[in-house]
């Protein structure tokens, strides 16, 4: 093996970009004791806040505790209308 012609791997790891995570949802992340009522553009929905994985995570709103996923992505335009404490 000729080590003179080998190129060292520089890696492809990217830093995690959290710039799209809306700060108003951070206190409720993975908190299944509080269900949020969120509104944006005249549309209101309820659920629990969780975060996706990957190099550019996003907050999503799960409709139920036992949901396995959701397409309801939370952003800076979404507003918390009410916090419901679950028993």
N, C-alpha and C. Protein backbone atom coordinates (compact mmCIF):
# COMPACT_ATOMS: atom_id res chain seq x y z
N UNK A 1 0.85 -1.18 0.00
CA UNK A 1 0.00 0.00 0.00
C UNK A 1 0.89 1.24 0.00
N UNK A 2 0.62 2.16 -0.88
CA UNK A 2 1.40 3.38 -1.01
C UNK A 2 0.71 4.50 -0.22
N UNK A 3 1.28 4.83 0.94
CA UNK A 3 0.68 5.84 1.82
C UNK A 3 0.87 7.26 1.30
N UNK A 4 1.81 7.46 0.36
CA UNK A 4 2.04 8.80 -0.17
C UNK A 4 0.87 9.29 -1.02
N UNK A 5 0.11 8.40 -1.63
CA UNK A 5 -0.99 8.78 -2.52
C UNK A 5 -2.35 8.76 -1.82
N UNK A 6 -2.38 8.40 -0.55
CA UNK A 6 -3.66 8.36 0.17
C UNK A 6 -4.06 9.76 0.60
N UNK A 7 -5.33 10.06 0.50
CA UNK A 7 -5.86 11.36 0.93
C UNK A 7 -6.58 11.15 2.25
N UNK A 8 -6.23 11.97 3.20
CA UNK A 8 -6.85 11.86 4.52
C UNK A 8 -8.32 12.30 4.45
N UNK A 9 -9.19 11.53 5.06
CA UNK A 9 -10.62 11.85 5.10
C UNK A 9 -10.84 13.08 5.97
N UNK A 10 -11.49 14.10 5.42
CA UNK A 10 -11.76 15.32 6.18
C UNK A 10 -13.10 15.24 6.91
N UNK A 11 -13.85 14.19 6.64
CA UNK A 11 -15.14 14.03 7.31
C UNK A 11 -16.23 14.87 6.66
N UNK A 12 -17.44 14.50 6.90
CA UNK A 12 -18.57 15.23 6.32
C UNK A 12 -19.53 15.71 7.39
N UNK A 13 -19.11 15.68 8.63
CA UNK A 13 -20.00 16.10 9.71
C UNK A 13 -20.29 17.59 9.62
N UNK A 14 -21.54 17.94 9.73
CA UNK A 14 -21.98 19.33 9.70
C UNK A 14 -22.37 19.74 11.12
N UNK A 15 -22.14 20.99 11.49
CA UNK A 15 -22.65 21.43 12.79
C UNK A 15 -24.18 21.44 12.76
N UNK A 16 -24.80 21.23 13.89
CA UNK A 16 -26.26 21.23 13.96
C UNK A 16 -26.75 22.68 13.90
N UNK A 17 -27.67 22.94 12.97
CA UNK A 17 -28.21 24.27 12.75
C UNK A 17 -29.56 24.39 13.47
N UNK A 18 -29.59 25.12 14.56
CA UNK A 18 -30.82 25.27 15.35
C UNK A 18 -31.50 26.63 15.09
N UNK A 19 -31.14 27.31 14.02
CA UNK A 19 -31.66 28.66 13.77
C UNK A 19 -33.17 28.70 13.52
N UNK A 20 -33.76 27.60 13.06
CA UNK A 20 -35.20 27.59 12.79
C UNK A 20 -36.04 27.15 13.98
N UNK A 21 -35.42 26.85 15.12
CA UNK A 21 -36.18 26.43 16.29
C UNK A 21 -36.76 27.66 16.99
N UNK A 22 -38.08 27.73 17.06
CA UNK A 22 -38.76 28.87 17.67
C UNK A 22 -38.61 28.81 19.19
N UNK A 23 -38.04 29.84 19.81
CA UNK A 23 -37.75 29.81 21.24
C UNK A 23 -38.97 29.69 22.15
N UNK A 24 -40.15 30.09 21.69
CA UNK A 24 -41.34 30.03 22.54
C UNK A 24 -41.75 28.59 22.86
N UNK A 25 -41.27 27.62 22.10
CA UNK A 25 -41.64 26.22 22.33
C UNK A 25 -40.61 25.44 23.15
N UNK A 26 -39.45 26.02 23.37
CA UNK A 26 -38.37 25.33 24.10
C UNK A 26 -38.79 24.86 25.50
N UNK A 27 -39.49 25.67 26.30
CA UNK A 27 -39.85 25.21 27.66
C UNK A 27 -40.78 23.99 27.66
N UNK A 28 -41.45 23.73 26.55
CA UNK A 28 -42.42 22.63 26.49
C UNK A 28 -41.90 21.41 25.73
N UNK A 29 -40.65 21.44 25.36
CA UNK A 29 -40.04 20.34 24.61
C UNK A 29 -40.04 19.05 25.43
N UNK A 30 -40.62 18.00 24.88
CA UNK A 30 -40.71 16.68 25.52
C UNK A 30 -41.42 16.72 26.88
N UNK A 31 -42.25 17.71 27.10
CA UNK A 31 -43.00 17.83 28.35
C UNK A 31 -44.42 17.32 28.10
N UNK A 32 -44.64 16.05 28.41
CA UNK A 32 -45.94 15.45 28.15
C UNK A 32 -46.95 15.73 29.27
N UNK A 33 -46.58 16.61 30.21
CA UNK A 33 -47.50 17.06 31.23
C UNK A 33 -48.27 18.30 30.80
N UNK A 34 -47.84 18.89 29.68
CA UNK A 34 -48.50 20.09 29.18
C UNK A 34 -48.79 19.94 27.70
N UNK A 35 -50.04 20.15 27.36
CA UNK A 35 -50.49 20.11 25.97
C UNK A 35 -50.71 21.56 25.55
N UNK A 36 -50.22 21.94 24.39
CA UNK A 36 -50.33 23.33 23.94
C UNK A 36 -51.44 23.50 22.92
N UNK A 37 -52.07 24.65 22.97
CA UNK A 37 -52.97 25.07 21.91
C UNK A 37 -52.22 26.16 21.15
N UNK A 38 -51.99 25.91 19.87
CA UNK A 38 -51.14 26.78 19.05
C UNK A 38 -51.96 27.31 17.88
N UNK A 39 -51.72 28.57 17.52
CA UNK A 39 -52.42 29.16 16.39
C UNK A 39 -51.44 29.82 15.42
N UNK A 40 -51.81 29.78 14.15
CA UNK A 40 -51.04 30.45 13.11
C UNK A 40 -51.93 30.56 11.87
N UNK A 41 -52.04 31.75 11.32
CA UNK A 41 -52.83 31.95 10.12
C UNK A 41 -54.30 31.60 10.28
N UNK A 42 -54.86 31.79 11.47
CA UNK A 42 -56.26 31.49 11.70
C UNK A 42 -56.57 30.03 11.97
N UNK A 43 -55.56 29.20 11.97
CA UNK A 43 -55.73 27.76 12.20
C UNK A 43 -55.22 27.42 13.59
N UNK A 44 -56.05 26.77 14.41
CA UNK A 44 -55.68 26.40 15.78
C UNK A 44 -55.61 24.89 15.91
N UNK A 45 -54.56 24.42 16.58
CA UNK A 45 -54.42 22.98 16.83
C UNK A 45 -53.79 22.76 18.19
N UNK A 46 -53.91 21.52 18.69
CA UNK A 46 -53.39 21.17 20.02
C UNK A 46 -52.44 19.99 19.91
N UNK A 47 -51.49 19.95 20.84
CA UNK A 47 -50.58 18.81 20.87
C UNK A 47 -49.41 19.01 21.79
N UNK A 48 -48.45 18.08 21.69
CA UNK A 48 -47.24 18.06 22.50
C UNK A 48 -46.05 18.42 21.62
N UNK A 49 -45.07 19.15 22.16
CA UNK A 49 -43.92 19.59 21.39
C UNK A 49 -42.78 18.58 21.51
N UNK A 50 -42.29 18.13 20.36
CA UNK A 50 -41.09 17.28 20.29
C UNK A 50 -40.19 17.83 19.20
N UNK A 51 -38.95 17.32 19.13
CA UNK A 51 -37.98 17.81 18.17
C UNK A 51 -37.55 16.69 17.24
N UNK A 52 -37.40 17.00 15.97
CA UNK A 52 -36.91 16.02 15.01
C UNK A 52 -35.40 15.86 15.18
N UNK A 53 -34.85 14.84 14.55
CA UNK A 53 -33.40 14.62 14.61
C UNK A 53 -32.77 15.09 13.30
N UNK A 54 -31.47 15.08 13.25
CA UNK A 54 -30.76 15.48 12.04
C UNK A 54 -29.97 16.75 12.24
N UNK A 55 -29.32 17.19 11.18
CA UNK A 55 -28.44 18.37 11.29
C UNK A 55 -29.22 19.68 11.32
N UNK A 56 -30.50 19.67 10.92
CA UNK A 56 -31.35 20.87 10.99
C UNK A 56 -32.67 20.47 11.64
N UNK A 57 -32.69 20.37 12.97
CA UNK A 57 -33.90 19.92 13.67
C UNK A 57 -35.03 20.95 13.59
N UNK A 58 -36.24 20.45 13.83
CA UNK A 58 -37.44 21.30 13.85
C UNK A 58 -38.33 20.83 14.99
N UNK A 59 -39.10 21.76 15.54
CA UNK A 59 -40.11 21.39 16.53
C UNK A 59 -41.36 20.95 15.77
N UNK A 60 -41.97 19.86 16.22
CA UNK A 60 -43.24 19.43 15.64
C UNK A 60 -44.26 19.25 16.74
N UNK A 61 -45.52 19.32 16.37
CA UNK A 61 -46.62 19.20 17.33
C UNK A 61 -47.27 17.83 17.14
N UNK A 62 -47.12 16.97 18.16
CA UNK A 62 -47.75 15.65 18.13
C UNK A 62 -49.19 15.78 18.62
N UNK A 63 -50.16 15.25 17.90
CA UNK A 63 -51.55 15.37 18.33
C UNK A 63 -51.87 14.57 19.60
N UNK A 64 -51.21 13.43 19.77
CA UNK A 64 -51.44 12.58 20.95
C UNK A 64 -50.10 12.11 21.51
N UNK A 65 -50.11 11.73 22.76
CA UNK A 65 -48.89 11.22 23.40
C UNK A 65 -48.30 10.00 22.70
N UNK A 66 -49.15 9.14 22.20
CA UNK A 66 -48.68 7.89 21.60
C UNK A 66 -48.50 8.01 20.09
N UNK A 67 -48.52 9.22 19.55
CA UNK A 67 -48.29 9.41 18.11
C UNK A 67 -46.83 9.08 17.78
N UNK A 68 -46.62 8.52 16.60
CA UNK A 68 -45.25 8.18 16.20
C UNK A 68 -44.63 9.25 15.31
N UNK A 69 -45.38 10.26 14.95
CA UNK A 69 -44.85 11.33 14.12
C UNK A 69 -45.92 12.35 13.79
N UNK A 70 -45.50 13.41 13.10
CA UNK A 70 -46.44 14.46 12.74
C UNK A 70 -45.84 15.29 11.61
N UNK A 71 -46.69 15.86 10.79
CA UNK A 71 -46.22 16.77 9.73
C UNK A 71 -46.47 18.22 10.13
N UNK A 72 -46.92 18.44 11.37
CA UNK A 72 -47.23 19.78 11.86
C UNK A 72 -45.97 20.42 12.43
N UNK A 73 -45.23 21.12 11.59
CA UNK A 73 -43.97 21.75 11.99
C UNK A 73 -44.26 23.11 12.60
N UNK A 74 -43.66 23.37 13.76
CA UNK A 74 -43.84 24.64 14.46
C UNK A 74 -42.73 25.61 14.04
N UNK A 75 -43.09 26.88 13.85
CA UNK A 75 -42.09 27.87 13.47
C UNK A 75 -42.30 29.17 14.25
N UNK A 76 -41.53 30.19 13.89
CA UNK A 76 -41.57 31.46 14.62
C UNK A 76 -42.92 32.17 14.52
N UNK A 77 -43.69 31.91 13.48
CA UNK A 77 -44.99 32.57 13.30
C UNK A 77 -46.08 31.96 14.18
N UNK A 78 -45.87 30.75 14.66
CA UNK A 78 -46.87 30.09 15.52
C UNK A 78 -46.88 30.72 16.91
N UNK A 79 -48.06 30.87 17.47
CA UNK A 79 -48.23 31.47 18.80
C UNK A 79 -48.93 30.50 19.73
N UNK A 80 -48.48 30.48 20.97
CA UNK A 80 -49.13 29.65 22.00
C UNK A 80 -50.33 30.42 22.51
N UNK A 81 -51.52 29.83 22.36
CA UNK A 81 -52.76 30.45 22.80
C UNK A 81 -53.07 30.04 24.23
N UNK A 82 -52.84 28.73 24.52
CA UNK A 82 -53.19 28.22 25.84
C UNK A 82 -52.30 27.03 26.16
N UNK A 83 -51.97 26.91 27.46
CA UNK A 83 -51.23 25.75 27.95
C UNK A 83 -52.16 24.94 28.81
N UNK A 84 -52.39 23.68 28.42
CA UNK A 84 -53.30 22.80 29.17
C UNK A 84 -52.47 21.84 30.00
N UNK A 85 -52.70 21.80 31.29
CA UNK A 85 -51.99 20.89 32.17
C UNK A 85 -52.71 19.55 32.16
N UNK A 86 -51.96 18.50 31.84
CA UNK A 86 -52.54 17.16 31.75
C UNK A 86 -52.38 16.44 33.09
N UNK A 87 -53.33 15.59 33.42
CA UNK A 87 -53.30 14.84 34.68
C UNK A 87 -52.62 13.51 34.48
